[in-house]
N, C-alpha and C. Protein backbone atom coordinates (compact mmCIF):
# COMPACT_ATOMS: atom_id res chain seq x y z
N MET A 1 13.72 8.88 0.56
CA MET A 1 12.46 8.90 1.30
C MET A 1 11.29 8.54 0.40
N THR A 2 10.25 8.06 1.00
CA THR A 2 9.08 7.65 0.23
C THR A 2 8.14 8.82 0.03
N GLY A 3 7.64 9.02 -1.21
CA GLY A 3 6.61 10.03 -1.42
C GLY A 3 5.30 9.52 -0.86
N ARG A 4 4.74 10.23 0.10
CA ARG A 4 3.54 9.75 0.77
C ARG A 4 2.34 10.60 0.38
N PRO A 5 1.18 9.99 0.16
CA PRO A 5 -0.03 10.77 -0.10
C PRO A 5 -0.42 11.51 1.16
N PRO A 6 -1.10 12.65 1.03
CA PRO A 6 -1.53 13.38 2.21
C PRO A 6 -2.44 12.52 3.06
N ARG A 7 -2.23 12.58 4.39
CA ARG A 7 -3.07 11.79 5.28
C ARG A 7 -4.44 12.45 5.41
N PRO A 8 -5.52 11.65 5.38
CA PRO A 8 -6.85 12.22 5.54
C PRO A 8 -7.04 12.76 6.94
N VAL A 9 -7.79 13.83 7.07
CA VAL A 9 -8.14 14.37 8.37
C VAL A 9 -9.29 13.55 8.91
N ARG A 10 -9.10 12.97 10.10
CA ARG A 10 -10.11 12.08 10.65
C ARG A 10 -10.91 12.79 11.73
N ARG A 11 -12.20 12.52 11.76
CA ARG A 11 -13.08 13.00 12.82
C ARG A 11 -13.56 11.81 13.60
N THR A 12 -13.55 11.91 14.93
CA THR A 12 -14.10 10.84 15.73
C THR A 12 -15.60 10.95 15.72
N LEU A 13 -16.25 9.83 16.05
CA LEU A 13 -17.70 9.79 16.01
C LEU A 13 -18.34 10.12 17.34
N ASP A 14 -17.52 10.56 18.35
CA ASP A 14 -18.08 10.87 19.64
C ASP A 14 -17.93 12.34 20.01
N ASN A 15 -17.67 13.20 19.03
CA ASN A 15 -17.58 14.63 19.30
C ASN A 15 -18.95 15.17 19.67
N SER A 16 -18.97 16.29 20.37
CA SER A 16 -20.23 16.93 20.73
C SER A 16 -20.54 18.03 19.73
N GLY A 17 -21.78 18.48 19.73
CA GLY A 17 -22.15 19.60 18.88
C GLY A 17 -22.48 19.20 17.47
N ASP A 18 -22.39 20.19 16.55
CA ASP A 18 -22.80 19.98 15.17
C ASP A 18 -21.99 18.91 14.48
N ASP A 19 -20.68 18.81 14.80
CA ASP A 19 -19.84 17.79 14.17
C ASP A 19 -20.36 16.39 14.47
N ALA A 20 -20.83 16.18 15.71
CA ALA A 20 -21.35 14.86 16.08
C ALA A 20 -22.60 14.53 15.29
N VAL A 21 -23.49 15.49 15.12
CA VAL A 21 -24.70 15.27 14.35
C VAL A 21 -24.37 14.93 12.91
N GLU A 22 -23.41 15.67 12.34
CA GLU A 22 -23.01 15.42 10.96
C GLU A 22 -22.38 14.04 10.83
N ALA A 23 -21.52 13.66 11.81
CA ALA A 23 -20.84 12.37 11.75
C ALA A 23 -21.83 11.23 11.82
N VAL A 24 -22.84 11.34 12.70
CA VAL A 24 -23.84 10.30 12.80
C VAL A 24 -24.62 10.17 11.50
N ALA A 25 -24.94 11.32 10.88
CA ALA A 25 -25.67 11.30 9.62
C ALA A 25 -24.86 10.62 8.52
N GLU A 26 -23.51 10.76 8.59
CA GLU A 26 -22.65 10.19 7.56
C GLU A 26 -22.31 8.73 7.83
N LEU A 27 -22.64 8.22 9.02
CA LEU A 27 -22.21 6.89 9.41
C LEU A 27 -22.56 5.79 8.41
N PRO A 28 -23.78 5.72 7.89
CA PRO A 28 -24.08 4.65 6.91
C PRO A 28 -23.16 4.68 5.70
N ALA A 29 -22.88 5.88 5.18
CA ALA A 29 -22.00 6.00 4.02
C ALA A 29 -20.56 5.61 4.37
N ILE A 30 -20.11 6.02 5.57
CA ILE A 30 -18.76 5.68 6.01
C ILE A 30 -18.59 4.18 6.13
N LEU A 31 -19.53 3.54 6.82
CA LEU A 31 -19.48 2.09 6.99
C LEU A 31 -19.52 1.37 5.64
N GLY A 32 -20.42 1.83 4.78
CA GLY A 32 -20.55 1.20 3.47
C GLY A 32 -19.27 1.28 2.67
N HIS A 33 -18.68 2.47 2.64
CA HIS A 33 -17.43 2.66 1.89
C HIS A 33 -16.31 1.80 2.45
N ASN A 34 -16.13 1.82 3.78
CA ASN A 34 -15.04 1.08 4.41
C ASN A 34 -15.21 -0.43 4.25
N LEU A 35 -16.44 -0.91 4.41
CA LEU A 35 -16.69 -2.34 4.27
C LEU A 35 -16.42 -2.80 2.85
N ARG A 36 -16.92 -2.07 1.87
CA ARG A 36 -16.71 -2.45 0.47
C ARG A 36 -15.22 -2.44 0.13
N ARG A 37 -14.49 -1.43 0.62
CA ARG A 37 -13.05 -1.34 0.34
C ARG A 37 -12.30 -2.52 0.95
N GLN A 38 -12.58 -2.82 2.22
CA GLN A 38 -11.88 -3.93 2.88
C GLN A 38 -12.24 -5.27 2.22
N ARG A 39 -13.49 -5.45 1.88
CA ARG A 39 -13.92 -6.72 1.28
C ARG A 39 -13.26 -6.94 -0.08
N THR A 40 -13.29 -5.91 -0.94
CA THR A 40 -12.73 -6.07 -2.28
C THR A 40 -11.21 -6.18 -2.25
N ARG A 41 -10.56 -5.48 -1.30
CA ARG A 41 -9.11 -5.59 -1.17
C ARG A 41 -8.69 -7.02 -0.89
N GLN A 42 -9.51 -7.72 -0.11
CA GLN A 42 -9.19 -9.09 0.27
C GLN A 42 -9.74 -10.12 -0.72
N GLY A 43 -10.42 -9.64 -1.75
CA GLY A 43 -10.90 -10.54 -2.79
C GLY A 43 -12.10 -11.36 -2.40
N HIS A 44 -12.89 -10.89 -1.42
CA HIS A 44 -14.07 -11.64 -0.99
C HIS A 44 -15.30 -11.20 -1.77
N SER A 45 -16.12 -12.13 -2.15
CA SER A 45 -17.45 -11.81 -2.65
C SER A 45 -18.36 -11.60 -1.45
N LEU A 46 -19.55 -11.06 -1.70
CA LEU A 46 -20.51 -10.92 -0.61
C LEU A 46 -20.86 -12.29 -0.02
N GLU A 47 -21.00 -13.28 -0.90
CA GLU A 47 -21.35 -14.62 -0.44
C GLU A 47 -20.26 -15.20 0.47
N ARG A 48 -19.02 -15.02 0.09
CA ARG A 48 -17.93 -15.57 0.91
C ARG A 48 -17.85 -14.86 2.26
N LEU A 49 -17.97 -13.53 2.25
CA LEU A 49 -17.91 -12.80 3.51
C LEU A 49 -19.09 -13.18 4.41
N ALA A 50 -20.24 -13.44 3.80
CA ALA A 50 -21.41 -13.87 4.59
C ALA A 50 -21.10 -15.18 5.31
N LYS A 51 -20.45 -16.12 4.62
CA LYS A 51 -20.10 -17.40 5.24
C LYS A 51 -19.06 -17.22 6.34
N LEU A 52 -18.09 -16.34 6.13
CA LEU A 52 -17.03 -16.13 7.10
C LEU A 52 -17.53 -15.42 8.36
N SER A 53 -18.47 -14.49 8.17
CA SER A 53 -18.92 -13.65 9.28
C SER A 53 -20.20 -14.13 9.95
N GLY A 54 -21.00 -14.91 9.23
CA GLY A 54 -22.29 -15.30 9.76
C GLY A 54 -23.34 -14.21 9.61
N VAL A 55 -23.00 -13.17 8.86
CA VAL A 55 -23.94 -12.08 8.56
C VAL A 55 -24.49 -12.33 7.15
N SER A 56 -25.78 -12.20 6.98
CA SER A 56 -26.37 -12.55 5.70
C SER A 56 -25.86 -11.68 4.56
N ARG A 57 -25.87 -12.26 3.35
CA ARG A 57 -25.46 -11.50 2.17
C ARG A 57 -26.32 -10.27 1.99
N ALA A 58 -27.63 -10.40 2.24
CA ALA A 58 -28.54 -9.27 2.08
C ALA A 58 -28.17 -8.13 3.03
N MET A 59 -27.84 -8.48 4.29
CA MET A 59 -27.46 -7.45 5.26
C MET A 59 -26.15 -6.78 4.86
N LEU A 60 -25.17 -7.58 4.42
CA LEU A 60 -23.90 -7.01 3.97
C LEU A 60 -24.11 -6.05 2.81
N GLY A 61 -24.99 -6.44 1.88
CA GLY A 61 -25.29 -5.57 0.74
C GLY A 61 -25.93 -4.27 1.18
N GLN A 62 -26.83 -4.34 2.15
CA GLN A 62 -27.49 -3.13 2.65
C GLN A 62 -26.49 -2.21 3.35
N ILE A 63 -25.55 -2.81 4.09
CA ILE A 63 -24.53 -2.00 4.77
C ILE A 63 -23.64 -1.30 3.73
N GLU A 64 -23.21 -2.04 2.71
CA GLU A 64 -22.31 -1.47 1.71
C GLU A 64 -22.96 -0.34 0.92
N THR A 65 -24.27 -0.41 0.74
CA THR A 65 -24.97 0.65 -0.01
C THR A 65 -25.49 1.75 0.90
N GLY A 66 -25.17 1.68 2.19
CA GLY A 66 -25.56 2.73 3.11
C GLY A 66 -27.03 2.70 3.50
N LYS A 67 -27.69 1.58 3.26
CA LYS A 67 -29.13 1.49 3.56
C LYS A 67 -29.40 0.96 4.96
N SER A 68 -28.35 0.46 5.62
CA SER A 68 -28.56 -0.11 6.95
C SER A 68 -27.33 0.12 7.80
N VAL A 69 -27.52 0.42 9.09
CA VAL A 69 -26.44 0.53 10.06
C VAL A 69 -26.50 -0.69 10.96
N PRO A 70 -25.47 -1.52 10.98
CA PRO A 70 -25.52 -2.76 11.76
C PRO A 70 -25.39 -2.50 13.26
N THR A 71 -25.79 -3.49 14.04
CA THR A 71 -25.56 -3.44 15.47
C THR A 71 -24.07 -3.60 15.74
N ILE A 72 -23.65 -3.26 16.95
CA ILE A 72 -22.23 -3.39 17.30
C ILE A 72 -21.78 -4.85 17.20
N SER A 73 -22.61 -5.78 17.65
CA SER A 73 -22.23 -7.19 17.58
C SER A 73 -22.06 -7.65 16.14
N THR A 74 -22.93 -7.18 15.24
CA THR A 74 -22.82 -7.53 13.82
C THR A 74 -21.54 -6.96 13.23
N LEU A 75 -21.24 -5.71 13.60
CA LEU A 75 -20.04 -5.07 13.08
C LEU A 75 -18.77 -5.78 13.58
N TRP A 76 -18.80 -6.26 14.82
CA TRP A 76 -17.66 -7.00 15.35
C TRP A 76 -17.46 -8.29 14.56
N ARG A 77 -18.53 -8.97 14.23
CA ARG A 77 -18.42 -10.21 13.47
C ARG A 77 -17.82 -9.96 12.09
N ILE A 78 -18.24 -8.87 11.48
CA ILE A 78 -17.70 -8.53 10.15
C ILE A 78 -16.22 -8.19 10.25
N ALA A 79 -15.85 -7.36 11.24
CA ALA A 79 -14.45 -6.97 11.42
C ALA A 79 -13.57 -8.19 11.69
N THR A 80 -14.08 -9.10 12.52
CA THR A 80 -13.32 -10.33 12.84
C THR A 80 -13.13 -11.19 11.60
N ALA A 81 -14.18 -11.32 10.78
CA ALA A 81 -14.08 -12.12 9.56
C ALA A 81 -13.07 -11.52 8.58
N LEU A 82 -12.99 -10.19 8.55
CA LEU A 82 -12.06 -9.51 7.65
C LEU A 82 -10.65 -9.43 8.24
N GLY A 83 -10.53 -9.68 9.54
CA GLY A 83 -9.22 -9.60 10.18
C GLY A 83 -8.71 -8.19 10.31
N VAL A 84 -9.62 -7.20 10.48
CA VAL A 84 -9.22 -5.81 10.62
C VAL A 84 -9.73 -5.27 11.96
N PRO A 85 -9.08 -4.26 12.51
CA PRO A 85 -9.58 -3.65 13.74
C PRO A 85 -10.99 -3.08 13.54
N PHE A 86 -11.79 -3.17 14.58
CA PHE A 86 -13.16 -2.65 14.56
C PHE A 86 -13.17 -1.20 14.07
N ALA A 87 -12.21 -0.40 14.55
CA ALA A 87 -12.18 1.02 14.23
C ALA A 87 -11.99 1.30 12.74
N HIS A 88 -11.39 0.34 12.01
CA HIS A 88 -11.16 0.56 10.58
C HIS A 88 -12.48 0.71 9.82
N LEU A 89 -13.52 0.06 10.30
CA LEU A 89 -14.81 0.15 9.61
C LEU A 89 -15.55 1.43 9.97
N LEU A 90 -15.08 2.13 11.02
CA LEU A 90 -15.73 3.37 11.45
C LEU A 90 -14.93 4.61 11.09
N ALA A 91 -13.71 4.42 10.58
CA ALA A 91 -12.84 5.56 10.29
C ALA A 91 -13.52 6.52 9.33
N ALA A 92 -13.61 7.78 9.76
CA ALA A 92 -14.38 8.76 8.99
C ALA A 92 -13.50 9.64 8.11
N GLY A 93 -12.31 9.15 7.78
CA GLY A 93 -11.45 9.96 6.93
C GLY A 93 -12.02 10.11 5.53
N LYS A 94 -11.72 11.21 4.89
CA LYS A 94 -12.16 11.44 3.52
C LYS A 94 -11.46 10.47 2.59
N ALA A 95 -12.20 9.86 1.70
CA ALA A 95 -11.62 8.90 0.77
C ALA A 95 -10.59 9.57 -0.12
N GLN A 96 -9.44 8.91 -0.32
CA GLN A 96 -8.38 9.43 -1.17
C GLN A 96 -8.42 8.68 -2.50
N HIS A 97 -8.62 9.42 -3.58
CA HIS A 97 -8.74 8.81 -4.90
C HIS A 97 -7.45 8.93 -5.72
N MET A 98 -6.43 9.55 -5.13
CA MET A 98 -5.15 9.64 -5.84
C MET A 98 -4.02 9.76 -4.83
N ALA A 99 -2.85 9.37 -5.25
CA ALA A 99 -1.65 9.50 -4.44
C ALA A 99 -0.57 10.11 -5.34
N VAL A 100 -0.09 11.29 -4.99
CA VAL A 100 0.92 11.98 -5.79
C VAL A 100 2.30 11.65 -5.22
N LEU A 101 3.19 11.19 -6.07
CA LEU A 101 4.55 10.84 -5.68
C LEU A 101 5.51 11.84 -6.31
N ARG A 102 5.92 12.83 -5.53
CA ARG A 102 6.78 13.89 -6.04
C ARG A 102 8.18 13.38 -6.34
N ALA A 103 8.76 13.86 -7.43
CA ALA A 103 10.09 13.41 -7.84
C ALA A 103 11.14 13.71 -6.79
N ASN A 104 11.01 14.87 -6.10
CA ASN A 104 12.03 15.25 -5.13
C ASN A 104 11.88 14.51 -3.80
N ALA A 105 10.86 13.67 -3.68
CA ALA A 105 10.67 12.88 -2.46
C ALA A 105 10.63 11.39 -2.79
N ALA A 106 11.15 11.02 -3.94
CA ALA A 106 11.06 9.64 -4.40
C ALA A 106 11.97 8.72 -3.59
N LYS A 107 11.56 7.47 -3.49
CA LYS A 107 12.41 6.45 -2.87
C LYS A 107 13.22 5.80 -3.98
N VAL A 108 14.52 6.08 -3.99
CA VAL A 108 15.40 5.56 -5.04
C VAL A 108 16.46 4.67 -4.40
N LEU A 109 16.55 3.45 -4.87
CA LEU A 109 17.58 2.52 -4.41
C LEU A 109 18.63 2.40 -5.50
N SER A 110 19.89 2.31 -5.09
CA SER A 110 20.96 2.19 -6.08
C SER A 110 21.90 1.06 -5.70
N SER A 111 22.58 0.54 -6.70
CA SER A 111 23.58 -0.51 -6.48
C SER A 111 24.72 -0.28 -7.46
N SER A 112 25.78 -1.06 -7.26
CA SER A 112 26.96 -0.98 -8.15
C SER A 112 27.46 0.46 -8.27
N ARG A 113 27.54 1.14 -7.11
CA ARG A 113 28.04 2.52 -7.06
C ARG A 113 27.26 3.45 -7.97
N GLY A 114 25.95 3.27 -7.99
CA GLY A 114 25.10 4.16 -8.76
C GLY A 114 24.93 3.79 -10.21
N GLN A 115 25.51 2.67 -10.63
CA GLN A 115 25.38 2.24 -12.02
C GLN A 115 23.96 1.74 -12.34
N PHE A 116 23.25 1.34 -11.29
CA PHE A 116 21.88 0.85 -11.44
C PHE A 116 21.02 1.49 -10.35
N THR A 117 19.91 2.13 -10.76
CA THR A 117 19.01 2.72 -9.78
C THR A 117 17.58 2.26 -10.04
N SER A 118 16.82 2.18 -8.97
CA SER A 118 15.43 1.74 -9.03
C SER A 118 14.59 2.73 -8.24
N ARG A 119 13.65 3.39 -8.92
CA ARG A 119 12.77 4.35 -8.29
C ARG A 119 11.36 3.78 -8.18
N ALA A 120 10.84 3.70 -6.96
CA ALA A 120 9.49 3.18 -6.75
C ALA A 120 8.46 4.21 -7.18
N LEU A 121 7.51 3.79 -7.99
CA LEU A 121 6.45 4.67 -8.48
C LEU A 121 5.09 4.26 -7.91
N PHE A 122 5.10 3.88 -6.64
CA PHE A 122 3.87 3.46 -5.96
C PHE A 122 4.05 3.73 -4.47
N PRO A 123 2.97 3.93 -3.73
CA PRO A 123 3.08 4.13 -2.27
C PRO A 123 3.31 2.81 -1.56
N PHE A 124 4.29 2.76 -0.67
CA PHE A 124 4.63 1.54 0.04
C PHE A 124 3.62 1.20 1.13
N GLU A 125 2.77 2.17 1.52
CA GLU A 125 1.89 1.96 2.66
C GLU A 125 0.80 0.93 2.39
N ASP A 126 0.37 0.82 1.14
CA ASP A 126 -0.77 -0.03 0.81
C ASP A 126 -0.36 -1.46 0.52
N GLU A 127 -1.24 -2.42 0.86
CA GLU A 127 -1.04 -3.79 0.40
C GLU A 127 -1.26 -3.84 -1.10
N ARG A 128 -0.58 -4.74 -1.78
CA ARG A 128 -0.62 -4.70 -3.23
C ARG A 128 -0.23 -6.04 -3.84
N HIS A 129 -0.64 -6.24 -5.08
CA HIS A 129 -0.21 -7.36 -5.90
C HIS A 129 0.77 -6.88 -6.97
N VAL A 130 0.79 -5.57 -7.22
CA VAL A 130 1.54 -5.02 -8.35
C VAL A 130 2.43 -3.87 -7.86
N GLU A 131 3.64 -3.79 -8.39
CA GLU A 131 4.54 -2.67 -8.12
C GLU A 131 5.04 -2.09 -9.45
N PHE A 132 5.35 -0.79 -9.43
CA PHE A 132 5.74 -0.07 -10.65
C PHE A 132 7.05 0.67 -10.36
N TYR A 133 8.06 0.46 -11.20
CA TYR A 133 9.38 1.05 -10.97
C TYR A 133 9.92 1.73 -12.24
N GLU A 134 10.80 2.69 -12.01
CA GLU A 134 11.64 3.24 -13.08
C GLU A 134 13.06 2.76 -12.81
N LEU A 135 13.64 2.07 -13.77
CA LEU A 135 15.00 1.56 -13.64
C LEU A 135 15.93 2.35 -14.57
N ARG A 136 17.13 2.61 -14.09
CA ARG A 136 18.14 3.29 -14.91
C ARG A 136 19.45 2.50 -14.84
N LEU A 137 20.00 2.19 -16.01
CA LEU A 137 21.25 1.46 -16.09
C LEU A 137 22.28 2.31 -16.82
N ALA A 138 23.46 2.43 -16.22
CA ALA A 138 24.54 3.16 -16.87
C ALA A 138 25.00 2.41 -18.12
N ALA A 139 25.64 3.13 -19.02
CA ALA A 139 26.11 2.52 -20.27
C ALA A 139 27.00 1.32 -19.98
N GLN A 140 26.72 0.21 -20.69
CA GLN A 140 27.49 -1.03 -20.61
C GLN A 140 27.40 -1.73 -19.25
N HIS A 141 26.50 -1.31 -18.40
CA HIS A 141 26.38 -1.94 -17.07
C HIS A 141 25.49 -3.16 -17.11
N ARG A 142 25.86 -4.18 -16.34
CA ARG A 142 25.08 -5.40 -16.19
C ARG A 142 24.64 -5.53 -14.73
N GLU A 143 23.36 -5.81 -14.53
CA GLU A 143 22.82 -5.99 -13.18
C GLU A 143 22.15 -7.35 -13.08
N ASP A 144 22.61 -8.17 -12.16
CA ASP A 144 22.05 -9.51 -11.95
C ASP A 144 21.01 -9.45 -10.84
N ALA A 145 19.87 -10.08 -11.06
CA ALA A 145 18.79 -10.12 -10.08
C ALA A 145 18.50 -11.56 -9.67
N ALA A 146 18.35 -11.78 -8.38
CA ALA A 146 18.02 -13.11 -7.88
C ALA A 146 16.56 -13.43 -8.21
N ALA A 147 16.23 -14.70 -8.15
CA ALA A 147 14.84 -15.11 -8.39
C ALA A 147 13.92 -14.53 -7.32
N HIS A 148 12.77 -14.00 -7.73
CA HIS A 148 11.79 -13.48 -6.79
C HIS A 148 10.90 -14.64 -6.32
N GLN A 149 9.94 -14.32 -5.45
CA GLN A 149 9.08 -15.37 -4.91
C GLN A 149 8.30 -16.06 -6.02
N PRO A 150 7.90 -17.32 -5.83
CA PRO A 150 7.21 -18.08 -6.88
C PRO A 150 5.98 -17.35 -7.42
N GLY A 151 5.83 -17.37 -8.73
CA GLY A 151 4.68 -16.75 -9.37
C GLY A 151 4.88 -15.30 -9.76
N THR A 152 6.01 -14.71 -9.40
CA THR A 152 6.26 -13.30 -9.73
C THR A 152 6.57 -13.15 -11.23
N ARG A 153 5.99 -12.11 -11.84
CA ARG A 153 6.24 -11.82 -13.25
C ARG A 153 6.69 -10.37 -13.40
N GLU A 154 7.51 -10.12 -14.39
CA GLU A 154 7.96 -8.76 -14.69
C GLU A 154 7.56 -8.40 -16.12
N ASN A 155 7.05 -7.20 -16.27
CA ASN A 155 6.70 -6.64 -17.58
C ASN A 155 7.54 -5.37 -17.74
N LEU A 156 8.47 -5.38 -18.70
CA LEU A 156 9.40 -4.27 -18.90
C LEU A 156 9.12 -3.53 -20.20
N LEU A 157 9.26 -2.22 -20.14
CA LEU A 157 9.21 -1.38 -21.34
C LEU A 157 10.48 -0.54 -21.37
N VAL A 158 11.21 -0.61 -22.46
CA VAL A 158 12.42 0.19 -22.61
C VAL A 158 12.01 1.57 -23.12
N ALA A 159 12.19 2.58 -22.27
CA ALA A 159 11.84 3.95 -22.65
C ALA A 159 12.98 4.64 -23.39
N HIS A 160 14.20 4.22 -23.11
CA HIS A 160 15.36 4.81 -23.80
C HIS A 160 16.52 3.83 -23.74
N GLY A 161 17.19 3.64 -24.88
CA GLY A 161 18.39 2.82 -24.91
C GLY A 161 18.17 1.45 -25.52
N VAL A 162 19.19 0.61 -25.38
CA VAL A 162 19.16 -0.76 -25.88
C VAL A 162 19.57 -1.67 -24.73
N VAL A 163 18.71 -2.61 -24.39
CA VAL A 163 18.91 -3.44 -23.20
C VAL A 163 18.81 -4.92 -23.57
N GLU A 164 19.66 -5.72 -22.94
CA GLU A 164 19.62 -7.16 -23.12
C GLU A 164 19.09 -7.80 -21.83
N ILE A 165 18.06 -8.63 -21.98
CA ILE A 165 17.45 -9.30 -20.84
C ILE A 165 17.70 -10.80 -20.96
N THR A 166 18.19 -11.41 -19.88
CA THR A 166 18.41 -12.84 -19.84
C THR A 166 17.63 -13.42 -18.66
N VAL A 167 16.86 -14.47 -18.90
CA VAL A 167 16.04 -15.09 -17.86
C VAL A 167 16.39 -16.57 -17.77
N GLY A 168 16.81 -17.01 -16.56
CA GLY A 168 17.17 -18.41 -16.37
C GLY A 168 18.23 -18.84 -17.38
N GLY A 169 17.99 -19.98 -18.01
CA GLY A 169 18.94 -20.49 -18.99
C GLY A 169 18.58 -20.14 -20.42
N ASP A 170 17.57 -19.26 -20.62
CA ASP A 170 17.15 -18.89 -21.97
C ASP A 170 18.20 -18.01 -22.65
N ALA A 171 18.13 -17.94 -23.98
CA ALA A 171 19.02 -17.07 -24.73
C ALA A 171 18.69 -15.62 -24.44
N PRO A 172 19.67 -14.72 -24.42
CA PRO A 172 19.42 -13.31 -24.16
C PRO A 172 18.47 -12.70 -25.21
N CYS A 173 17.68 -11.73 -24.78
CA CYS A 173 16.75 -11.02 -25.67
C CYS A 173 17.13 -9.56 -25.68
N VAL A 174 17.34 -8.99 -26.85
CA VAL A 174 17.73 -7.58 -26.98
C VAL A 174 16.49 -6.74 -27.26
N LEU A 175 16.33 -5.67 -26.48
CA LEU A 175 15.19 -4.77 -26.61
C LEU A 175 15.69 -3.35 -26.89
N ALA A 176 15.10 -2.71 -27.89
CA ALA A 176 15.42 -1.32 -28.21
C ALA A 176 14.31 -0.42 -27.66
N THR A 177 14.50 0.87 -27.81
CA THR A 177 13.51 1.85 -27.32
C THR A 177 12.12 1.52 -27.86
N GLY A 178 11.16 1.43 -26.95
CA GLY A 178 9.79 1.12 -27.34
C GLY A 178 9.43 -0.35 -27.26
N ASP A 179 10.44 -1.22 -27.16
CA ASP A 179 10.18 -2.65 -27.05
C ASP A 179 9.78 -3.01 -25.62
N ALA A 180 9.01 -4.08 -25.47
CA ALA A 180 8.57 -4.54 -24.16
C ALA A 180 8.73 -6.05 -24.07
N ILE A 181 8.77 -6.55 -22.84
CA ILE A 181 8.90 -7.99 -22.62
C ILE A 181 8.18 -8.36 -21.33
N LEU A 182 7.61 -9.54 -21.31
CA LEU A 182 6.98 -10.09 -20.11
C LEU A 182 7.69 -11.41 -19.81
N PHE A 183 8.15 -11.59 -18.57
CA PHE A 183 8.84 -12.84 -18.26
C PHE A 183 8.60 -13.27 -16.82
N GLU A 184 8.86 -14.55 -16.56
CA GLU A 184 8.72 -15.12 -15.23
C GLU A 184 9.94 -14.73 -14.40
N ALA A 185 9.68 -13.95 -13.35
CA ALA A 185 10.79 -13.40 -12.56
C ALA A 185 11.10 -14.24 -11.33
N ASP A 186 10.51 -15.45 -11.25
CA ASP A 186 10.89 -16.35 -10.16
C ASP A 186 12.07 -17.22 -10.58
N LEU A 187 12.79 -16.75 -11.61
CA LEU A 187 14.05 -17.32 -12.06
C LEU A 187 15.11 -16.23 -11.99
N PRO A 188 16.38 -16.58 -11.82
CA PRO A 188 17.43 -15.55 -11.86
C PRO A 188 17.38 -14.84 -13.21
N HIS A 189 17.58 -13.51 -13.20
CA HIS A 189 17.52 -12.77 -14.46
C HIS A 189 18.53 -11.62 -14.43
N THR A 190 18.82 -11.15 -15.64
CA THR A 190 19.87 -10.13 -15.79
C THR A 190 19.39 -9.01 -16.71
N TYR A 191 19.69 -7.77 -16.31
CA TYR A 191 19.48 -6.61 -17.17
C TYR A 191 20.87 -6.11 -17.59
N ARG A 192 21.07 -5.91 -18.89
CA ARG A 192 22.38 -5.41 -19.35
C ARG A 192 22.17 -4.31 -20.38
N ASN A 193 22.75 -3.17 -20.12
CA ASN A 193 22.70 -2.06 -21.06
C ASN A 193 23.83 -2.25 -22.06
N ILE A 194 23.47 -2.54 -23.30
CA ILE A 194 24.51 -2.77 -24.31
C ILE A 194 24.74 -1.53 -25.17
N GLY A 195 24.13 -0.41 -24.78
CA GLY A 195 24.30 0.83 -25.53
C GLY A 195 25.37 1.72 -24.92
N SER A 196 25.57 2.87 -25.53
CA SER A 196 26.62 3.81 -25.11
C SER A 196 26.07 4.94 -24.24
N THR A 197 24.76 4.94 -23.98
CA THR A 197 24.16 5.96 -23.12
C THR A 197 23.31 5.27 -22.05
N GLU A 198 22.92 6.02 -21.05
CA GLU A 198 22.09 5.46 -19.97
C GLU A 198 20.79 4.91 -20.55
N ALA A 199 20.37 3.75 -20.04
CA ALA A 199 19.10 3.16 -20.45
C ALA A 199 18.06 3.40 -19.36
N VAL A 200 16.82 3.67 -19.80
CA VAL A 200 15.71 3.89 -18.88
C VAL A 200 14.65 2.85 -19.16
N ILE A 201 14.23 2.15 -18.12
CA ILE A 201 13.25 1.06 -18.24
C ILE A 201 12.12 1.30 -17.25
N TYR A 202 10.90 1.01 -17.68
CA TYR A 202 9.76 1.04 -16.76
C TYR A 202 9.33 -0.41 -16.53
N LEU A 203 9.20 -0.75 -15.26
CA LEU A 203 8.96 -2.13 -14.84
C LEU A 203 7.67 -2.24 -14.03
N VAL A 204 6.82 -3.16 -14.43
CA VAL A 204 5.63 -3.53 -13.65
C VAL A 204 5.87 -4.94 -13.13
N MET A 205 5.90 -5.08 -11.80
CA MET A 205 6.13 -6.38 -11.19
C MET A 205 4.83 -6.88 -10.57
N THR A 206 4.42 -8.08 -10.93
CA THR A 206 3.16 -8.65 -10.45
C THR A 206 3.46 -9.86 -9.59
N TYR A 207 2.90 -9.85 -8.36
CA TYR A 207 3.09 -10.96 -7.42
C TYR A 207 1.87 -11.86 -7.42
N SER A 208 2.09 -13.13 -7.10
CA SER A 208 0.97 -14.07 -7.05
C SER A 208 0.18 -13.94 -5.76
N THR A 209 0.81 -13.38 -4.71
CA THR A 209 0.13 -13.16 -3.44
C THR A 209 0.29 -11.71 -3.02
N ARG A 210 -0.63 -11.23 -2.20
CA ARG A 210 -0.60 -9.84 -1.75
C ARG A 210 0.61 -9.62 -0.83
N ILE A 211 1.27 -8.46 -0.99
CA ILE A 211 2.41 -8.12 -0.14
C ILE A 211 2.17 -6.75 0.48
N GLY A 212 3.07 -6.37 1.38
CA GLY A 212 2.98 -5.04 1.96
C GLY A 212 2.32 -5.07 3.31
């Protein structure tokens, strides 16, 4: 199973009573936070988003800093330009600054009858360019990996053991504890534990395009 961060408690903006007054007062900050998050996630500058949405850069800047609340039509144009539901810009959930992935709830994939395991050290829910894994190889085990999508790179650190890495037609590279390697993973590659004990590797995989 996947370790999931706690879901934020959401308040709607149409409640009656004190909660409604508080929500309205928080609206500029909510909009600003959500807009800035969506814009930066998609790699847009203020200038680019202004061109896509038809909303001026100055207005976008004022919204992001909580100095202005846009009209509904303006907000629709921004949401359409970002390709997100209108409600995403109004979601009043508390911002989450961390995601805890408990060991007993980890998503672990195994192959070769458990000789090779891969534990995801990132939440699957978010879009991402980078993934982080813990790999474990049994003694003397070899694991072959197919080429990943074009532009994918792997950065490995051997935390324990002695591992041989082969990429494409290159000569094998032997790494001991503490050694690291960066290679192009859009070629077939192989991990081989040449030691007598289990090897532990930490892997950072970087994609050229956003996934998830």
